[in-house]
Amino acid sequence: MAGLFNKLPGFQQTPAGAERVTLRRLPRIAWVGTLLLLVPSLLARLAIWLGFSDEGPGMPGMVDIYVLSLVILHWTVLFTVGIYAFIVLVMKGPAYVADPYPMNDADEL
């Protein structure tokens, strides 16, 4: 089992860059962004409750639909950025060599 992952000799590992910072910030960005996107829905309900709006009771429902679509878009963008940052992180890691495969007719080429 120890010989499964053979590191490529002489390979220089690339130093970490913005991908680690991005991966560390993603949870905070997800929470803060989601909470900020929920504010219009709360304000619509508050406006109806305090009597600032003459719109019918269907107005908060319409705002909720828009807010939900924006929250889903926000999560999708963050998921895509997270996948990208993870791929960059993996590609900057050490290089591995597979087991050698001797070719029978290698000297004929």
N, C-alpha and C. Protein backbone atom coordinates (compact mmCIF):
# COMPACT_ATOMS: atom_id res chain seq x y z
N MET A 1 0.82 -1.19 0.00
CA MET A 1 0.00 0.00 0.00
C MET A 1 0.86 1.25 0.00
N ALA A 2 2.07 1.16 0.56
CA ALA A 2 2.93 2.34 0.65
C ALA A 2 3.44 2.76 -0.71
N GLY A 3 3.56 1.82 -1.64
CA GLY A 3 4.07 2.15 -2.96
C GLY A 3 3.02 2.64 -3.93
N LEU A 4 1.80 2.84 -3.45
CA LEU A 4 0.73 3.27 -4.33
C LEU A 4 0.93 4.68 -4.85
N PHE A 5 1.36 5.57 -3.99
CA PHE A 5 1.53 6.96 -4.37
C PHE A 5 3.01 7.30 -4.36
N ASN A 6 3.61 7.31 -5.53
CA ASN A 6 5.01 7.65 -5.68
C ASN A 6 5.11 9.08 -6.18
N LYS A 7 5.75 9.96 -5.39
CA LYS A 7 5.88 11.35 -5.80
C LYS A 7 6.90 11.47 -6.91
N LEU A 8 6.65 12.36 -7.82
CA LEU A 8 7.54 12.62 -8.94
C LEU A 8 8.81 13.27 -8.40
N PRO A 9 9.98 12.66 -8.64
CA PRO A 9 11.22 13.25 -8.12
C PRO A 9 11.54 14.56 -8.84
N GLY A 10 12.00 15.53 -8.06
CA GLY A 10 12.39 16.81 -8.64
C GLY A 10 11.24 17.77 -8.87
N PHE A 11 10.05 17.39 -8.49
CA PHE A 11 8.89 18.26 -8.71
C PHE A 11 8.87 19.35 -7.64
N GLN A 12 8.74 20.59 -8.07
CA GLN A 12 8.66 21.71 -7.13
C GLN A 12 7.19 22.08 -6.94
N GLN A 13 6.77 22.01 -5.69
CA GLN A 13 5.37 22.32 -5.38
C GLN A 13 5.15 23.83 -5.46
N THR A 14 4.07 24.23 -6.10
CA THR A 14 3.73 25.64 -6.23
C THR A 14 3.20 26.15 -4.90
N PRO A 15 3.63 27.34 -4.48
CA PRO A 15 3.11 27.86 -3.20
C PRO A 15 1.63 28.19 -3.29
N ALA A 16 0.98 28.13 -2.14
CA ALA A 16 -0.46 28.41 -2.08
C ALA A 16 -0.71 29.87 -2.45
N GLY A 17 -1.83 30.09 -3.08
CA GLY A 17 -2.18 31.43 -3.51
C GLY A 17 -3.56 31.82 -3.02
N ALA A 18 -4.31 32.46 -3.90
CA ALA A 18 -5.63 33.00 -3.54
C ALA A 18 -6.66 31.90 -3.34
N GLU A 19 -6.39 30.69 -3.80
CA GLU A 19 -7.40 29.64 -3.68
C GLU A 19 -7.63 29.25 -2.22
N ARG A 20 -6.59 29.26 -1.41
CA ARG A 20 -6.77 28.94 0.02
C ARG A 20 -7.55 30.03 0.74
N VAL A 21 -7.25 31.27 0.41
CA VAL A 21 -7.98 32.40 1.00
C VAL A 21 -9.44 32.32 0.60
N THR A 22 -9.69 32.00 -0.66
CA THR A 22 -11.06 31.90 -1.15
C THR A 22 -11.81 30.79 -0.44
N LEU A 23 -11.18 29.63 -0.30
CA LEU A 23 -11.85 28.51 0.38
C LEU A 23 -12.12 28.81 1.85
N ARG A 24 -11.24 29.57 2.49
CA ARG A 24 -11.47 29.93 3.89
C ARG A 24 -12.60 30.93 4.04
N ARG A 25 -12.76 31.81 3.06
CA ARG A 25 -13.78 32.86 3.16
C ARG A 25 -15.16 32.42 2.69
N LEU A 26 -15.26 31.34 1.98
CA LEU A 26 -16.54 30.93 1.41
C LEU A 26 -17.65 30.73 2.45
N PRO A 27 -17.41 30.08 3.58
CA PRO A 27 -18.52 29.93 4.54
C PRO A 27 -19.04 31.26 5.07
N ARG A 28 -18.12 32.18 5.37
CA ARG A 28 -18.54 33.49 5.87
C ARG A 28 -19.30 34.26 4.79
N ILE A 29 -18.82 34.20 3.56
CA ILE A 29 -19.50 34.88 2.46
C ILE A 29 -20.88 34.28 2.26
N ALA A 30 -21.00 32.97 2.41
CA ALA A 30 -22.31 32.32 2.25
C ALA A 30 -23.29 32.80 3.31
N TRP A 31 -22.86 32.82 4.57
CA TRP A 31 -23.76 33.25 5.65
C TRP A 31 -24.13 34.72 5.53
N VAL A 32 -23.14 35.58 5.36
CA VAL A 32 -23.41 37.02 5.30
C VAL A 32 -24.24 37.35 4.06
N GLY A 33 -23.89 36.77 2.94
CA GLY A 33 -24.65 37.03 1.72
C GLY A 33 -26.09 36.57 1.81
N THR A 34 -26.30 35.41 2.40
CA THR A 34 -27.66 34.90 2.56
C THR A 34 -28.47 35.79 3.48
N LEU A 35 -27.87 36.21 4.58
CA LEU A 35 -28.58 37.09 5.52
C LEU A 35 -28.90 38.44 4.88
N LEU A 36 -27.97 38.98 4.11
CA LEU A 36 -28.23 40.26 3.44
C LEU A 36 -29.32 40.12 2.37
N LEU A 37 -29.35 38.98 1.72
CA LEU A 37 -30.39 38.78 0.70
C LEU A 37 -31.76 38.56 1.32
N LEU A 38 -31.83 38.17 2.58
CA LEU A 38 -33.12 37.99 3.25
C LEU A 38 -33.71 39.31 3.77
N VAL A 39 -32.92 40.37 3.78
CA VAL A 39 -33.39 41.66 4.30
C VAL A 39 -34.60 42.20 3.54
N PRO A 40 -34.64 42.18 2.20
CA PRO A 40 -35.84 42.70 1.51
C PRO A 40 -37.13 41.98 1.90
N SER A 41 -37.04 40.69 2.12
CA SER A 41 -38.23 39.94 2.53
C SER A 41 -38.70 40.39 3.90
N LEU A 42 -37.76 40.59 4.80
CA LEU A 42 -38.13 41.07 6.14
C LEU A 42 -38.68 42.49 6.09
N LEU A 43 -38.10 43.34 5.25
CA LEU A 43 -38.60 44.72 5.12
C LEU A 43 -39.99 44.75 4.51
N ALA A 44 -40.28 43.87 3.58
CA ALA A 44 -41.62 43.83 2.98
C ALA A 44 -42.65 43.43 4.02
N ARG A 45 -42.32 42.47 4.84
CA ARG A 45 -43.25 42.06 5.90
C ARG A 45 -43.40 43.15 6.96
N LEU A 46 -42.32 43.84 7.27
CA LEU A 46 -42.37 44.92 8.24
C LEU A 46 -43.20 46.09 7.72
N ALA A 47 -43.08 46.39 6.42
CA ALA A 47 -43.86 47.48 5.83
C ALA A 47 -45.36 47.17 5.88
N ILE A 48 -45.74 45.94 5.63
CA ILE A 48 -47.15 45.56 5.72
C ILE A 48 -47.62 45.63 7.17
N TRP A 49 -46.80 45.14 8.08
CA TRP A 49 -47.18 45.09 9.49
C TRP A 49 -47.33 46.48 10.09
N LEU A 50 -46.42 47.41 9.70
CA LEU A 50 -46.48 48.77 10.24
C LEU A 50 -47.42 49.68 9.46
N GLY A 51 -47.93 49.22 8.35
CA GLY A 51 -48.88 50.00 7.57
C GLY A 51 -48.25 51.00 6.63
N PHE A 52 -46.97 50.85 6.31
CA PHE A 52 -46.29 51.76 5.39
C PHE A 52 -46.63 51.46 3.93
N SER A 53 -47.15 50.31 3.66
CA SER A 53 -47.41 49.89 2.28
C SER A 53 -48.90 49.63 2.10
N ASP A 54 -49.42 50.11 0.97
CA ASP A 54 -50.82 49.86 0.64
C ASP A 54 -50.98 48.65 -0.27
N GLU A 55 -49.90 47.96 -0.52
CA GLU A 55 -49.97 46.75 -1.34
C GLU A 55 -50.78 45.69 -0.60
N GLY A 56 -51.29 44.76 -1.33
CA GLY A 56 -52.08 43.69 -0.72
C GLY A 56 -51.20 42.71 0.03
N PRO A 57 -51.83 41.72 0.61
CA PRO A 57 -51.05 40.71 1.36
C PRO A 57 -50.22 39.81 0.45
N GLY A 58 -50.39 39.92 -0.87
CA GLY A 58 -49.59 39.10 -1.79
C GLY A 58 -48.22 39.66 -2.07
N MET A 59 -47.97 40.91 -1.69
CA MET A 59 -46.68 41.53 -1.97
C MET A 59 -45.51 40.83 -1.28
N PRO A 60 -45.60 40.46 -0.01
CA PRO A 60 -44.47 39.73 0.59
C PRO A 60 -44.20 38.39 -0.09
N GLY A 61 -45.23 37.75 -0.60
CA GLY A 61 -45.03 36.49 -1.30
C GLY A 61 -44.23 36.68 -2.58
N MET A 62 -44.51 37.77 -3.30
CA MET A 62 -43.75 38.06 -4.52
C MET A 62 -42.29 38.39 -4.18
N VAL A 63 -42.11 39.15 -3.12
CA VAL A 63 -40.75 39.48 -2.69
C VAL A 63 -40.02 38.21 -2.25
N ASP A 64 -40.71 37.31 -1.58
CA ASP A 64 -40.11 36.05 -1.15
C ASP A 64 -39.62 35.22 -2.33
N ILE A 65 -40.39 35.23 -3.41
CA ILE A 65 -39.99 34.47 -4.61
C ILE A 65 -38.71 35.05 -5.19
N TYR A 66 -38.63 36.38 -5.28
CA TYR A 66 -37.42 37.02 -5.80
C TYR A 66 -36.22 36.77 -4.88
N VAL A 67 -36.46 36.88 -3.58
CA VAL A 67 -35.37 36.66 -2.62
C VAL A 67 -34.89 35.22 -2.68
N LEU A 68 -35.79 34.27 -2.75
CA LEU A 68 -35.40 32.86 -2.83
C LEU A 68 -34.59 32.59 -4.09
N SER A 69 -34.99 33.19 -5.21
CA SER A 69 -34.22 32.99 -6.44
C SER A 69 -32.83 33.59 -6.33
N LEU A 70 -32.70 34.74 -5.67
CA LEU A 70 -31.38 35.34 -5.49
C LEU A 70 -30.51 34.55 -4.52
N VAL A 71 -31.12 33.99 -3.49
CA VAL A 71 -30.35 33.16 -2.55
C VAL A 71 -29.84 31.91 -3.25
N ILE A 72 -30.67 31.28 -4.06
CA ILE A 72 -30.22 30.09 -4.80
C ILE A 72 -29.12 30.46 -5.78
N LEU A 73 -29.24 31.60 -6.45
CA LEU A 73 -28.19 32.05 -7.35
C LEU A 73 -26.89 32.30 -6.58
N HIS A 74 -27.00 32.92 -5.43
CA HIS A 74 -25.83 33.20 -4.58
C HIS A 74 -25.13 31.91 -4.19
N TRP A 75 -25.89 30.92 -3.74
CA TRP A 75 -25.29 29.64 -3.35
C TRP A 75 -24.66 28.93 -4.55
N THR A 76 -25.29 29.02 -5.71
CA THR A 76 -24.76 28.38 -6.91
C THR A 76 -23.43 29.01 -7.31
N VAL A 77 -23.36 30.32 -7.26
CA VAL A 77 -22.11 31.01 -7.59
C VAL A 77 -21.01 30.62 -6.60
N LEU A 78 -21.34 30.58 -5.32
CA LEU A 78 -20.34 30.20 -4.31
C LEU A 78 -19.90 28.75 -4.49
N PHE A 79 -20.81 27.87 -4.84
CA PHE A 79 -20.46 26.47 -5.08
C PHE A 79 -19.52 26.35 -6.27
N THR A 80 -19.79 27.11 -7.32
CA THR A 80 -18.94 27.09 -8.51
C THR A 80 -17.55 27.63 -8.19
N VAL A 81 -17.49 28.72 -7.46
CA VAL A 81 -16.20 29.29 -7.07
C VAL A 81 -15.44 28.32 -6.16
N GLY A 82 -16.16 27.63 -5.28
CA GLY A 82 -15.52 26.65 -4.40
C GLY A 82 -14.94 25.48 -5.18
N ILE A 83 -15.66 25.00 -6.18
CA ILE A 83 -15.14 23.91 -7.01
C ILE A 83 -13.88 24.37 -7.74
N TYR A 84 -13.93 25.57 -8.30
CA TYR A 84 -12.77 26.11 -9.01
C TYR A 84 -11.56 26.22 -8.08
N ALA A 85 -11.76 26.77 -6.88
CA ALA A 85 -10.65 26.94 -5.94
C ALA A 85 -10.11 25.58 -5.49
N PHE A 86 -10.98 24.60 -5.31
CA PHE A 86 -10.52 23.26 -4.92
C PHE A 86 -9.71 22.62 -6.03
N ILE A 87 -10.14 22.77 -7.27
CA ILE A 87 -9.39 22.21 -8.40
C ILE A 87 -8.01 22.84 -8.49
N VAL A 88 -7.93 24.16 -8.32
CA VAL A 88 -6.63 24.83 -8.35
C VAL A 88 -5.76 24.35 -7.20
N LEU A 89 -6.34 24.16 -6.03
CA LEU A 89 -5.60 23.67 -4.86
C LEU A 89 -5.03 22.28 -5.12
N VAL A 90 -5.83 21.40 -5.70
CA VAL A 90 -5.37 20.04 -5.99
C VAL A 90 -4.29 20.05 -7.07
N MET A 91 -4.46 20.89 -8.08
CA MET A 91 -3.49 20.92 -9.17
C MET A 91 -2.15 21.50 -8.73
N LYS A 92 -2.14 22.31 -7.69
CA LYS A 92 -0.88 22.87 -7.18
C LYS A 92 -0.16 21.90 -6.25
N GLY A 93 -0.79 20.81 -5.90
CA GLY A 93 -0.20 19.85 -4.97
C GLY A 93 0.93 19.07 -5.62
N PRO A 94 1.46 18.09 -4.90
CA PRO A 94 2.57 17.31 -5.44
C PRO A 94 2.13 16.43 -6.61
N ALA A 95 3.08 16.20 -7.50
CA ALA A 95 2.80 15.34 -8.66
C ALA A 95 3.13 13.90 -8.30
N TYR A 96 2.29 12.99 -8.74
CA TYR A 96 2.49 11.57 -8.47
C TYR A 96 2.74 10.83 -9.78
N VAL A 97 3.50 9.75 -9.68
CA VAL A 97 3.83 8.93 -10.83
C VAL A 97 3.14 7.59 -10.67
N ALA A 98 2.56 7.12 -11.74
CA ALA A 98 1.94 5.79 -11.72
C ALA A 98 3.04 4.73 -11.82
N ASP A 99 2.66 3.49 -11.60
CA ASP A 99 3.62 2.40 -11.74
C ASP A 99 4.07 2.32 -13.19
N PRO A 100 5.36 2.00 -13.39
CA PRO A 100 5.84 1.92 -14.77
C PRO A 100 5.22 0.73 -15.50
N TYR A 101 4.99 0.90 -16.76
CA TYR A 101 4.42 -0.15 -17.59
C TYR A 101 5.43 -0.46 -18.68
N PRO A 102 6.14 -1.59 -18.56
CA PRO A 102 7.16 -1.90 -19.58
C PRO A 102 6.48 -2.28 -20.91
N MET A 103 6.98 -1.69 -21.96
CA MET A 103 6.44 -2.00 -23.29
C MET A 103 7.32 -3.04 -23.96
N ASN A 104 6.70 -4.04 -24.55
CA ASN A 104 7.45 -5.13 -25.16
C ASN A 104 8.19 -4.68 -26.41
N ASP A 105 7.59 -3.82 -27.19
CA ASP A 105 8.21 -3.41 -28.45
C ASP A 105 8.73 -1.97 -28.38
N ALA A 106 9.22 -1.55 -27.25
CA ALA A 106 9.70 -0.18 -27.09
C ALA A 106 10.98 0.06 -27.89
N ASP A 107 11.83 -0.95 -28.07
CA ASP A 107 13.08 -0.75 -28.79
C ASP A 107 12.87 -0.69 -30.30
N GLU A 108 11.72 -1.04 -30.81
CA GLU A 108 11.45 -1.02 -32.24
C GLU A 108 11.15 0.38 -32.74
N LEU A 109 10.78 1.29 -31.87
CA LEU A 109 10.45 2.65 -32.30
C LEU A 109 11.69 3.38 -32.54
